[in-house]
Amino acid sequence: MKNNHIFSKNDNGELKFIGDFEAIYAENNDPWGQSNCTDIHYKKYYDYSRNKINKVIRSVNKKNISILEVGCGLGYVVDLIARNNHSVEVNGSDISKKAIEIAKRKFPQYTFFVNDITSDENEINRKFDIVIFNQILWYILEKLDQSFLNSHSILKKDGHFIISQAFFKSEQNYGKDIVDGFFGLDSIMKSKYNNLFQLKSKTFENSGKYLHNDGIFLFKKKDHF
């Protein structure tokens, strides 16, 4: 990011999470290159990562399923999932009102709504077969407990939870004490959140072929914790 809306550096040069998503969407019509149209390196990475999401969704092997992408931004991945998977109902939520306004205009055929997955006042009043955290890990890192509890609560019985995330190729300079890369996330899910979710599969791409290393996890909801 070339601005201080999401992260800024303190006097010691350390990154601090700001999270002013309204400002970044107000200033940039496609902050993270979600449309895949402008940068060949982003396109190559996004194509790979989103294809993995579709493969993991199909591995769940259920029909007529409802899906929620948390942190949907402008709605491009919601649209991609819907177009590439049969018998699915795909919804999107985001903390940014501006992003949701744009997503509704771009893709009026889907349901989008504003919600903060990190809030202790969960406002989502329905349940889904699959909940997806797509590229939002670094933005919820300091509120993982509540984010995962909320995700668990909005999953149906035997529901599935997907985490898809870009990971750093070089030294991670934010949140390393909470989650240290792909393997750190794997470790904390096993040690701290195994009462909520059971790991079904995981994949890590770190060959250097893409703009980012890429990890994806599939979990199944545990009903008793």
C-alpha atoms as a PDB file:
ATOM      1  CA  MET A   1       0.000   0.000   0.000  1.00  0.00           C
ATOM      2  CA  LYS A   2       1.233   3.460  -0.881  1.00  0.00           C
ATOM      3  CA  ASN A   3      -0.804   5.115   1.854  1.00  0.00           C
ATOM      4  CA  ASN A   4      -1.277   4.946   5.619  1.00  0.00           C
ATOM      5  CA  HIS A   5      -4.949   3.994   5.652  1.00  0.00           C
ATOM      6  CA  ILE A   6      -4.397   0.306   6.399  1.00  0.00           C
ATOM      7  CA  PHE A   7      -0.962   0.221   8.050  1.00  0.00           C
ATOM      8  CA  SER A   8       1.376   2.948   9.238  1.00  0.00           C
ATOM      9  CA  LYS A   9       4.839   2.900  10.767  1.00  0.00           C
ATOM     10  CA  ASN A  10       5.465   4.098  14.311  1.00  0.00           C
ATOM     11  CA  ASP A  11       8.581   5.914  15.497  1.00  0.00           C
ATOM     12  CA  ASN A  12      10.421   2.590  15.769  1.00  0.00           C
ATOM     13  CA  GLY A  13       9.632   1.676  12.178  1.00  0.00           C
ATOM     14  CA  GLU A  14       7.142  -0.993  13.239  1.00  0.00           C
ATOM     15  CA  LEU A  15       3.874  -1.450  11.389  1.00  0.00           C
ATOM     16  CA  LYS A  16       0.659  -0.497  13.170  1.00  0.00           C
ATOM     17  CA  PHE A  17      -2.735  -1.574  11.880  1.00  0.00           C
ATOM     18  CA  ILE A  18      -5.004   1.398  11.120  1.00  0.00           C
ATOM     19  CA  GLY A  19      -7.792  -0.225   9.126  1.00  0.00           C
ATOM     20  CA  ASP A  20      -9.457   2.826   7.574  1.00  0.00           C
ATOM     21  CA  PHE A  21     -11.097   0.873   4.783  1.00  0.00           C
ATOM     22  CA  GLU A  22     -13.617   3.610   3.990  1.00  0.00           C
ATOM     23  CA  ALA A  23     -10.801   5.994   3.132  1.00  0.00           C
ATOM     24  CA  ILE A  24      -8.942   3.584   0.906  1.00  0.00           C
ATOM     25  CA  TYR A  25     -12.055   2.693  -1.102  1.00  0.00           C
ATOM     26  CA  ALA A  26     -12.930   6.381  -1.383  1.00  0.00           C
ATOM     27  CA  GLU A  27      -9.505   7.155  -2.853  1.00  0.00           C
ATOM     28  CA  ASN A  28      -9.005   4.107  -5.060  1.00  0.00           C
ATOM     29  CA  ASN A  29     -11.614   2.351  -7.177  1.00  0.00           C
ATOM     30  CA  ASP A  30      -9.766  -0.974  -6.948  1.00  0.00           C
ATOM     31  CA  PRO A  31      -7.328  -0.870  -3.990  1.00  0.00           C
ATOM     32  CA  TRP A  32      -6.130  -4.461  -4.144  1.00  0.00           C
ATOM     33  CA  GLY A  33      -6.362  -5.009  -7.894  1.00  0.00           C
ATOM     34  CA  GLN A  34      -9.360  -7.290  -7.409  1.00  0.00           C
ATOM     35  CA  SER A  35     -10.529  -6.796 -10.984  1.00  0.00           C
ATOM     36  CA  ASN A  36      -7.374  -8.535 -12.284  1.00  0.00           C
ATOM     37  CA  CYS A  37      -7.224  -6.070 -15.171  1.00  0.00           C
ATOM     38  CA  THR A  38      -4.264  -3.804 -14.550  1.00  0.00           C
ATOM     39  CA  ASP A  39      -1.243  -5.730 -13.274  1.00  0.00           C
ATOM     40  CA  ILE A  40      -0.089  -9.006 -14.848  1.00  0.00           C
ATOM     41  CA  HIS A  41       1.628 -10.100 -11.623  1.00  0.00           C
ATOM     42  CA  TYR A  42      -1.534  -9.592  -9.560  1.00  0.00           C
ATOM     43  CA  LYS A  43      -3.587 -11.325 -12.232  1.00  0.00           C
ATOM     44  CA  LYS A  44      -1.331 -14.386 -12.236  1.00  0.00           C
ATOM     45  CA  TYR A  45      -1.462 -14.628  -8.457  1.00  0.00           C
ATOM     46  CA  TYR A  46      -5.192 -13.990  -8.139  1.00  0.00           C
ATOM     47  CA  ASP A  47      -5.992 -16.504 -10.874  1.00  0.00           C
ATOM     48  CA  TYR A  48      -4.009 -19.154  -9.023  1.00  0.00           C
ATOM     49  CA  SER A  49      -5.401 -18.336  -5.582  1.00  0.00           C
ATOM     50  CA  ARG A  50      -9.029 -18.055  -6.692  1.00  0.00           C
ATOM     51  CA  ASN A  51      -8.788 -21.279  -8.658  1.00  0.00           C
ATOM     52  CA  LYS A  52      -7.686 -22.991  -5.443  1.00  0.00           C
ATOM     53  CA  ILE A  53     -10.727 -21.584  -3.625  1.00  0.00           C
ATOM     54  CA  ASN A  54     -13.012 -23.047  -6.278  1.00  0.00           C
ATOM     55  CA  LYS A  55     -11.287 -26.424  -6.055  1.00  0.00           C
ATOM     56  CA  VAL A  56     -11.645 -26.488  -2.270  1.00  0.00           C
ATOM     57  CA  ILE A  57     -15.328 -25.542  -2.499  1.00  0.00           C
ATOM     58  CA  ARG A  58     -15.916 -28.400  -4.947  1.00  0.00           C
ATOM     59  CA  SER A  59     -14.079 -30.778  -2.619  1.00  0.00           C
ATOM     60  CA  VAL A  60     -16.803 -30.211  -0.014  1.00  0.00           C
ATOM     61  CA  ASN A  61     -19.019 -32.120  -2.463  1.00  0.00           C
ATOM     62  CA  LYS A  62     -22.395 -30.743  -1.471  1.00  0.00           C
ATOM     63  CA  LYS A  63     -25.210 -29.405  -3.633  1.00  0.00           C
ATOM     64  CA  ASN A  64     -27.396 -26.361  -3.083  1.00  0.00           C
ATOM     65  CA  ILE A  65     -24.970 -24.831  -0.620  1.00  0.00           C
ATOM     66  CA  SER A  66     -24.862 -21.301   0.740  1.00  0.00           C
ATOM     67  CA  ILE A  67     -21.528 -19.501   0.866  1.00  0.00           C
ATOM     68  CA  LEU A  68     -20.403 -16.307   2.585  1.00  0.00           C
ATOM     69  CA  GLU A  69     -17.172 -14.593   1.567  1.00  0.00           C
ATOM     70  CA  VAL A  70     -16.043 -12.407   4.466  1.00  0.00           C
ATOM     71  CA  GLY A  71     -14.097  -9.358   3.316  1.00  0.00           C
ATOM     72  CA  CYS A  72     -15.571  -9.518  -0.170  1.00  0.00           C
ATOM     73  CA  GLY A  73     -14.475  -6.016  -1.142  1.00  0.00           C
ATOM     74  CA  LEU A  74     -15.908  -5.108  -4.545  1.00  0.00           C
ATOM     75  CA  GLY A  75     -17.486  -8.534  -5.090  1.00  0.00           C
ATOM     76  CA  TYR A  76     -15.261  -9.976  -7.808  1.00  0.00           C
ATOM     77  CA  VAL A  77     -14.582 -13.249  -5.988  1.00  0.00           C
ATOM     78  CA  VAL A  78     -18.268 -13.668  -5.073  1.00  0.00           C
ATOM     79  CA  ASP A  79     -19.045 -13.428  -8.792  1.00  0.00           C
ATOM     80  CA  LEU A  80     -16.228 -15.816  -9.723  1.00  0.00           C
ATOM     81  CA  ILE A  81     -17.347 -18.450  -7.223  1.00  0.00           C
ATOM     82  CA  ALA A  82     -20.959 -18.226  -8.358  1.00  0.00           C
ATOM     83  CA  ARG A  83     -20.029 -18.566 -12.037  1.00  0.00           C
ATOM     84  CA  ASN A  84     -17.710 -21.530 -11.480  1.00  0.00           C
ATOM     85  CA  ASN A  85     -19.727 -23.661  -9.076  1.00  0.00           C
ATOM     86  CA  HIS A  86     -23.113 -25.207  -9.726  1.00  0.00           C
ATOM     87  CA  SER A  87     -26.002 -25.049  -7.245  1.00  0.00           C
ATOM     88  CA  VAL A  88     -24.455 -22.469  -4.936  1.00  0.00           C
ATOM     89  CA  GLU A  89     -25.807 -19.295  -3.380  1.00  0.00           C
ATOM     90  CA  VAL A  90     -22.925 -16.884  -2.829  1.00  0.00           C
ATOM     91  CA  ASN A  91     -23.075 -13.859  -0.521  1.00  0.00           C
ATOM     92  CA  GLY A  92     -20.505 -11.248   0.412  1.00  0.00           C
ATOM     93  CA  SER A  93     -19.849  -9.163   3.515  1.00  0.00           C
ATOM     94  CA  ASP A  94     -17.345  -6.423   4.183  1.00  0.00           C
ATOM     95  CA  ILE A  95     -16.586  -3.904   6.905  1.00  0.00           C
ATOM     96  CA  SER A  96     -16.557  -1.086   4.333  1.00  0.00           C
ATOM     97  CA  LYS A  97     -19.892   0.522   3.450  1.00  0.00           C
ATOM     98  CA  LYS A  98     -18.287   2.060   0.368  1.00  0.00           C
ATOM     99  CA  ALA A  99     -17.050  -1.315  -0.887  1.00  0.00           C
ATOM    100  CA  ILE A 100     -20.479  -2.879  -0.412  1.00  0.00           C
ATOM    101  CA  GLU A 101     -22.169  -0.007  -2.245  1.00  0.00           C
ATOM    102  CA  ILE A 102     -19.873  -0.593  -5.217  1.00  0.00           C
ATOM    103  CA  ALA A 103     -20.280  -4.389  -5.074  1.00  0.00           C
ATOM    104  CA  LYS A 104     -24.077  -4.040  -5.152  1.00  0.00           C
ATOM    105  CA  ARG A 105     -23.862  -1.848  -8.236  1.00  0.00           C
ATOM    106  CA  LYS A 106     -21.397  -4.103 -10.034  1.00  0.00           C
ATOM    107  CA  PHE A 107     -23.109  -7.383  -9.160  1.00  0.00           C
ATOM    108  CA  PRO A 108     -26.792  -6.769  -8.314  1.00  0.00           C
ATOM    109  CA  GLN A 109     -27.594 -10.468  -8.711  1.00  0.00           C
ATOM    110  CA  TYR A 110     -25.872 -11.310  -5.394  1.00  0.00           C
ATOM    111  CA  THR A 111     -26.525 -10.390  -1.770  1.00  0.00           C
ATOM    112  CA  PHE A 112     -23.958  -8.104  -0.156  1.00  0.00           C
ATOM    113  CA  PHE A 113     -24.081  -6.604   3.316  1.00  0.00           C
ATOM    114  CA  VAL A 114     -21.944  -4.611   5.723  1.00  0.00           C
ATOM    115  CA  ASN A 115     -20.590  -6.523   8.702  1.00  0.00           C
ATOM    116  CA  ASP A 116     -17.542  -6.486  10.970  1.00  0.00           C
ATOM    117  CA  ILE A 117     -16.530 -10.095  11.571  1.00  0.00           C
ATOM    118  CA  THR A 118     -14.293  -8.980  14.471  1.00  0.00           C
ATOM    119  CA  SER A 119     -17.158  -7.436  16.452  1.00  0.00           C
ATOM    120  CA  ASP A 120     -18.414  -9.040  19.650  1.00  0.00           C
ATOM    121  CA  GLU A 121     -21.944  -8.109  18.529  1.00  0.00           C
ATOM    122  CA  ASN A 122     -22.509 -10.516  15.658  1.00  0.00           C
ATOM    123  CA  GLU A 123     -25.217  -9.052  13.400  1.00  0.00           C
ATOM    124  CA  ILE A 124     -25.454 -11.936  10.918  1.00  0.00           C
ATOM    125  CA  ASN A 125     -28.756 -13.667  11.581  1.00  0.00           C
ATOM    126  CA  ARG A 126     -28.488 -16.652   9.252  1.00  0.00           C
ATOM    127  CA  LYS A 127     -26.194 -19.635   8.795  1.00  0.00           C
ATOM    128  CA  PHE A 128     -24.115 -20.782   5.847  1.00  0.00           C
ATOM    129  CA  ASP A 129     -22.670 -24.065   4.592  1.00  0.00           C
ATOM    130  CA  ILE A 130     -19.304 -22.456   3.855  1.00  0.00           C
ATOM    131  CA  VAL A 131     -17.673 -19.335   5.279  1.00  0.00           C
ATOM    132  CA  ILE A 132     -14.586 -18.025   3.475  1.00  0.00           C
ATOM    133  CA  PHE A 133     -11.922 -15.700   4.845  1.00  0.00           C
ATOM    134  CA  ASN A 134     -10.263 -14.536   1.642  1.00  0.00           C
ATOM    135  CA  GLN A 135      -7.163 -12.331   2.009  1.00  0.00           C
ATOM    136  CA  ILE A 136      -8.231 -10.771   5.314  1.00  0.00           C
ATOM    137  CA  LEU A 137      -5.966 -12.465   7.874  1.00  0.00           C
ATOM    138  CA  TRP A 138      -3.657  -9.481   8.460  1.00  0.00           C
ATOM    139  CA  TYR A 139      -6.660  -7.189   9.012  1.00  0.00           C
ATOM    140  CA  ILE A 140      -8.261  -9.353  11.725  1.00  0.00           C
ATOM    141  CA  LEU A 141      -5.061 -10.595  13.323  1.00  0.00           C
ATOM    142  CA  GLU A 142      -5.502  -8.723  16.589  1.00  0.00           C
ATOM    143  CA  LYS A 143      -9.076 -10.026  16.953  1.00  0.00           C
ATOM    144  CA  LEU A 144      -8.725 -13.611  15.815  1.00  0.00           C
ATOM    145  CA  ASP A 145     -10.627 -15.068  18.773  1.00  0.00           C
ATOM    146  CA  GLN A 146     -13.795 -13.115  18.078  1.00  0.00           C
ATOM    147  CA  SER A 147     -13.479 -13.517  14.301  1.00  0.00           C
ATOM    148  CA  PHE A 148     -13.277 -17.296  14.565  1.00  0.00           C
ATOM    149  CA  LEU A 149     -16.054 -17.482  17.151  1.00  0.00           C
ATOM    150  CA  ASN A 150     -18.315 -15.449  14.889  1.00  0.00           C
ATOM    151  CA  SER A 151     -17.465 -17.642  11.922  1.00  0.00           C
ATOM    152  CA  HIS A 152     -18.233 -20.762  13.925  1.00  0.00           C
ATOM    153  CA  SER A 153     -21.600 -19.341  15.015  1.00  0.00           C
ATOM    154  CA  ILE A 154     -22.770 -18.570  11.466  1.00  0.00           C
ATOM    155  CA  LEU A 155     -21.858 -21.986  10.086  1.00  0.00           C
ATOM    156  CA  LYS A 156     -24.485 -24.679   9.768  1.00  0.00           C
ATOM    157  CA  LYS A 157     -23.974 -28.038  11.418  1.00  0.00           C
ATOM    158  CA  ASP A 158     -21.233 -29.835   9.455  1.00  0.00           C
ATOM    159  CA  GLY A 159     -20.380 -26.508   7.806  1.00  0.00           C
ATOM    160  CA  HIS A 160     -16.948 -25.737   6.397  1.00  0.00           C
ATOM    161  CA  PHE A 161     -14.549 -22.863   6.952  1.00  0.00           C
ATOM    162  CA  ILE A 162     -11.984 -21.804   4.326  1.00  0.00           C
ATOM    163  CA  ILE A 163      -9.010 -19.523   4.925  1.00  0.00           C
ATOM    164  CA  SER A 164      -7.239 -18.360   1.753  1.00  0.00           C
ATOM    165  CA  GLN A 165      -4.311 -16.016   2.243  1.00  0.00           C
ATOM    166  CA  ALA A 166      -1.274 -14.474   0.596  1.00  0.00           C
ATOM    167  CA  PHE A 167       1.854 -14.926   2.701  1.00  0.00           C
ATOM    168  CA  PHE A 168       5.101 -13.004   2.638  1.00  0.00           C
ATOM    169  CA  LYS A 169       8.006 -14.185   0.537  1.00  0.00           C
ATOM    170  CA  SER A 170      10.470 -12.292   2.717  1.00  0.00           C
ATOM    171  CA  GLU A 171      10.491 -11.447   6.426  1.00  0.00           C
ATOM    172  CA  GLN A 172       7.012 -10.852   7.850  1.00  0.00           C
ATOM    173  CA  ASN A 173       6.968  -7.387   9.417  1.00  0.00           C
ATOM    174  CA  TYR A 174       3.554  -7.313  11.042  1.00  0.00           C
ATOM    175  CA  GLY A 175       1.875  -9.608  13.546  1.00  0.00           C
ATOM    176  CA  LYS A 176       4.599 -12.221  13.626  1.00  0.00           C
ATOM    177  CA  ASP A 177       4.076 -12.630  17.379  1.00  0.00           C
ATOM    178  CA  ILE A 178       0.477 -13.678  16.699  1.00  0.00           C
ATOM    179  CA  VAL A 179       0.717 -15.661  13.457  1.00  0.00           C
ATOM    180  CA  ASP A 180       4.089 -16.322  11.847  1.00  0.00           C
ATOM    181  CA  GLY A 181       3.300 -17.121   8.226  1.00  0.00           C
ATOM    182  CA  PHE A 182       1.516 -20.159   6.816  1.00  0.00           C
ATOM    183  CA  PHE A 183       3.024 -22.588   9.291  1.00  0.00           C
ATOM    184  CA  GLY A 184       2.293 -20.251  12.173  1.00  0.00           C
ATOM    185  CA  LEU A 185      -1.365 -20.172  11.168  1.00  0.00           C
ATOM    186  CA  ASP A 186      -1.380 -23.936  10.862  1.00  0.00           C
ATOM    187  CA  SER A 187       0.117 -24.228  14.341  1.00  0.00           C
ATOM    188  CA  ILE A 188      -2.264 -21.799  16.048  1.00  0.00           C
ATOM    189  CA  MET A 189      -5.323 -23.392  14.442  1.00  0.00           C
ATOM    190  CA  LYS A 190      -4.242 -26.744  15.837  1.00  0.00           C
ATOM    191  CA  SER A 191      -3.279 -25.503  19.289  1.00  0.00           C
ATOM    192  CA  LYS A 192      -5.796 -22.755  20.020  1.00  0.00           C
ATOM    193  CA  TYR A 193      -8.830 -23.224  17.774  1.00  0.00           C
ATOM    194  CA  ASN A 194      -9.045 -26.991  17.425  1.00  0.00           C
ATOM    195  CA  ASN A 195     -12.113 -26.903  19.658  1.00  0.00           C
ATOM    196  CA  LEU A 196     -13.919 -24.935  16.923  1.00  0.00           C
ATOM    197  CA  PHE A 197     -12.621 -26.425  13.684  1.00  0.00           C
ATOM    198  CA  GLN A 198     -11.176 -29.693  12.426  1.00  0.00           C
ATOM    199  CA  LEU A 199      -8.569 -29.453   9.665  1.00  0.00           C
ATOM    200  CA  LYS A 200      -9.590 -31.290   6.504  1.00  0.00           C
ATOM    201  CA  SER A 201      -6.923 -30.120   4.048  1.00  0.00           C
ATOM    202  CA  LYS A 202      -4.242 -27.487   3.489  1.00  0.00           C
ATOM    203  CA  THR A 203      -2.030 -26.392   0.593  1.00  0.00           C
ATOM    204  CA  PHE A 204       0.962 -24.048   0.518  1.00  0.00           C
ATOM    205  CA  GLU A 205       2.445 -22.662  -2.699  1.00  0.00           C
ATOM    206  CA  ASN A 206       5.900 -21.179  -2.113  1.00  0.00           C
ATOM    207  CA  SER A 207       7.686 -22.056  -5.334  1.00  0.00           C
ATOM    208  CA  GLY A 208       8.293 -18.397  -6.137  1.00  0.00           C
ATOM    209  CA  LYS A 209       6.168 -18.511  -9.308  1.00  0.00           C
ATOM    210  CA  TYR A 210       3.668 -15.981  -8.016  1.00  0.00           C
ATOM    211  CA  LEU A 211       3.629 -12.489  -6.563  1.00  0.00           C
ATOM    212  CA  HIS A 212       2.987 -13.961  -3.118  1.00  0.00           C
ATOM    213  CA  ASN A 213       3.288 -17.287  -1.414  1.00  0.00           C
ATOM    214  CA  ASP A 214      -0.241 -18.652  -1.118  1.00  0.00           C
ATOM    215  CA  GLY A 215      -1.905 -20.807   1.504  1.00  0.00           C
ATOM    216  CA  ILE A 216      -5.371 -22.284   1.755  1.00  0.00           C
ATOM    217  CA  PHE A 217      -6.980 -24.256   4.587  1.00  0.00           C
ATOM    218  CA  LEU A 218     -10.244 -26.174   4.720  1.00  0.00           C
ATOM    219  CA  PHE A 219     -11.788 -26.844   8.122  1.00  0.00           C
ATOM    220  CA  LYS A 220     -14.980 -28.548   9.235  1.00  0.00           C
ATOM    221  CA  LYS A 221     -17.021 -27.071  12.033  1.00  0.00           C
ATOM    222  CA  LYS A 222     -17.028 -28.818  15.375  1.00  0.00           C
ATOM    223  CA  ASP A 223     -20.417 -28.517  17.033  1.00  0.00           C
ATOM    224  CA  HIS A 224     -19.331 -29.061  20.620  1.00  0.00           C
ATOM    225  CA  PHE A 225     -16.634 -26.907  22.203  1.00  0.00           C
END
